[in-house]
Amino acid sequence: MAQALRPNTAGSLFATDGRSHPVQGALLAATLLLGVVSFITAQFHSLHLLSSWTGLVGIFTGAYGQWISETTRERFGLILGLGASGLGFFLGMAHGGLFG
């Protein structure tokens, strides 16, 4: 009956391998932060420089994070950050671009 007491993480969407991944966690946090900043500042025409640059950096950090990620939890968060960064980047480019 010992198997009934163990949690089943294999079927979970956010399954983890139980180990710490500090580099992947830092990239995940950076990508999410850059994505949120880029998306929010893209709503204002005068902040297109901030929006486009944070979006571009968020796209690069998210892409590298996807390349080295090891768990589904990391990949899920990175995709959310990449989407927000991409939207912010493209809206910032539409409002004036990287250099004004």
Protein backbone atom coordinates (compact mmCIF):
# COMPACT_ATOMS: atom_id res chain seq x y z
CA MET A 1 0.00 0.00 0.00
CA ALA A 2 2.99 2.34 0.02
CA GLN A 3 2.42 3.26 -3.61
CA ALA A 4 -0.97 4.74 -2.70
CA LEU A 5 0.72 7.33 -0.47
CA ARG A 6 3.13 8.68 -3.09
CA PRO A 7 1.93 11.69 -5.07
CA ASN A 8 1.49 11.10 -8.78
CA THR A 9 3.48 13.85 -10.47
CA ALA A 10 4.00 11.97 -13.74
CA GLY A 11 0.55 12.84 -15.06
CA SER A 12 0.57 16.45 -13.95
CA LEU A 13 0.92 19.30 -16.43
CA PHE A 14 3.44 20.93 -14.13
CA ALA A 15 5.45 17.79 -13.40
CA THR A 16 8.94 18.35 -12.09
CA ASP A 17 11.88 16.07 -11.65
CA GLY A 18 12.36 17.12 -8.02
CA ARG A 19 15.71 18.82 -8.62
CA SER A 20 16.63 22.48 -8.49
CA HIS A 21 17.30 24.31 -11.76
CA PRO A 22 18.58 27.77 -10.79
CA VAL A 23 19.61 28.92 -14.27
CA GLN A 24 16.34 27.86 -15.84
CA GLY A 25 14.39 29.44 -12.97
CA ALA A 26 16.24 32.73 -13.40
CA LEU A 27 15.57 32.73 -17.14
CA LEU A 28 11.93 31.94 -16.49
CA ALA A 29 11.58 34.82 -14.03
CA ALA A 30 13.43 37.23 -16.33
CA THR A 31 11.35 36.25 -19.35
CA LEU A 32 8.08 36.64 -17.46
CA LEU A 33 9.13 40.01 -16.03
CA LEU A 34 10.31 41.32 -19.39
CA GLY A 35 7.15 40.05 -21.05
CA VAL A 36 4.87 41.77 -18.55
CA VAL A 37 6.79 45.05 -18.77
CA SER A 38 6.85 44.90 -22.56
CA PHE A 39 3.17 44.10 -22.86
CA ILE A 40 2.04 46.79 -20.42
CA THR A 41 4.24 49.52 -21.87
CA ALA A 42 3.13 48.62 -25.39
CA GLN A 43 -0.29 50.04 -24.55
CA PHE A 44 1.21 53.55 -24.49
CA HIS A 45 2.52 55.10 -27.73
CA SER A 46 5.14 57.23 -25.98
CA LEU A 47 6.79 54.18 -24.35
CA HIS A 48 7.58 52.37 -27.60
CA LEU A 49 11.34 52.37 -26.92
CA LEU A 50 10.92 50.57 -23.59
CA SER A 51 8.33 48.22 -25.02
CA SER A 52 10.31 47.21 -28.08
CA TRP A 53 13.63 46.74 -26.26
CA THR A 54 12.20 44.77 -23.34
CA GLY A 55 10.23 42.67 -25.81
CA LEU A 56 13.33 41.92 -27.86
CA VAL A 57 15.39 40.98 -24.82
CA GLY A 58 12.48 38.91 -23.50
CA ILE A 59 12.29 37.01 -26.78
CA PHE A 60 16.01 36.18 -26.62
CA THR A 61 15.96 35.14 -22.95
CA GLY A 62 12.85 33.06 -23.52
CA ALA A 63 14.31 31.34 -26.56
CA TYR A 64 17.48 30.45 -24.69
CA GLY A 65 15.41 29.31 -21.72
CA GLN A 66 13.39 27.04 -23.98
CA TRP A 67 16.59 25.59 -25.36
CA ILE A 68 17.97 24.62 -21.93
CA SER A 69 14.70 23.95 -20.05
CA GLU A 70 14.24 20.56 -18.47
CA THR A 71 10.68 20.43 -17.13
CA THR A 72 7.21 21.19 -18.42
CA ARG A 73 6.75 23.80 -15.69
CA GLU A 74 9.66 25.81 -17.05
CA ARG A 75 8.49 25.49 -20.64
CA PHE A 76 4.94 26.55 -19.79
CA GLY A 77 6.07 29.74 -18.05
CA LEU A 78 8.57 30.50 -20.78
CA ILE A 79 5.88 30.24 -23.45
CA LEU A 80 3.71 32.72 -21.53
CA GLY A 81 6.65 35.11 -21.21
CA LEU A 82 7.59 34.68 -24.85
CA GLY A 83 4.04 35.43 -25.96
CA ALA A 84 3.85 38.60 -23.88
CA SER A 85 7.32 39.67 -25.02
CA GLY A 86 6.44 39.06 -28.65
CA LEU A 87 3.21 41.03 -28.42
CA GLY A 88 4.96 43.90 -26.64
CA PHE A 89 7.81 43.86 -29.13
CA PHE A 90 5.56 43.96 -32.19
CA LEU A 91 3.30 46.65 -30.75
CA GLY A 92 6.37 48.69 -29.79
CA MET A 93 7.70 48.33 -33.31
CA ALA A 94 4.35 49.47 -34.70
CA HIS A 95 4.38 52.53 -32.44
CA GLY A 96 7.85 53.71 -33.40
CA GLY A 97 10.44 50.97 -33.23
CA LEU A 98 13.70 50.39 -31.44
CA PHE A 99 15.34 53.72 -32.22
CA GLY A 100 12.46 56.15 -32.30
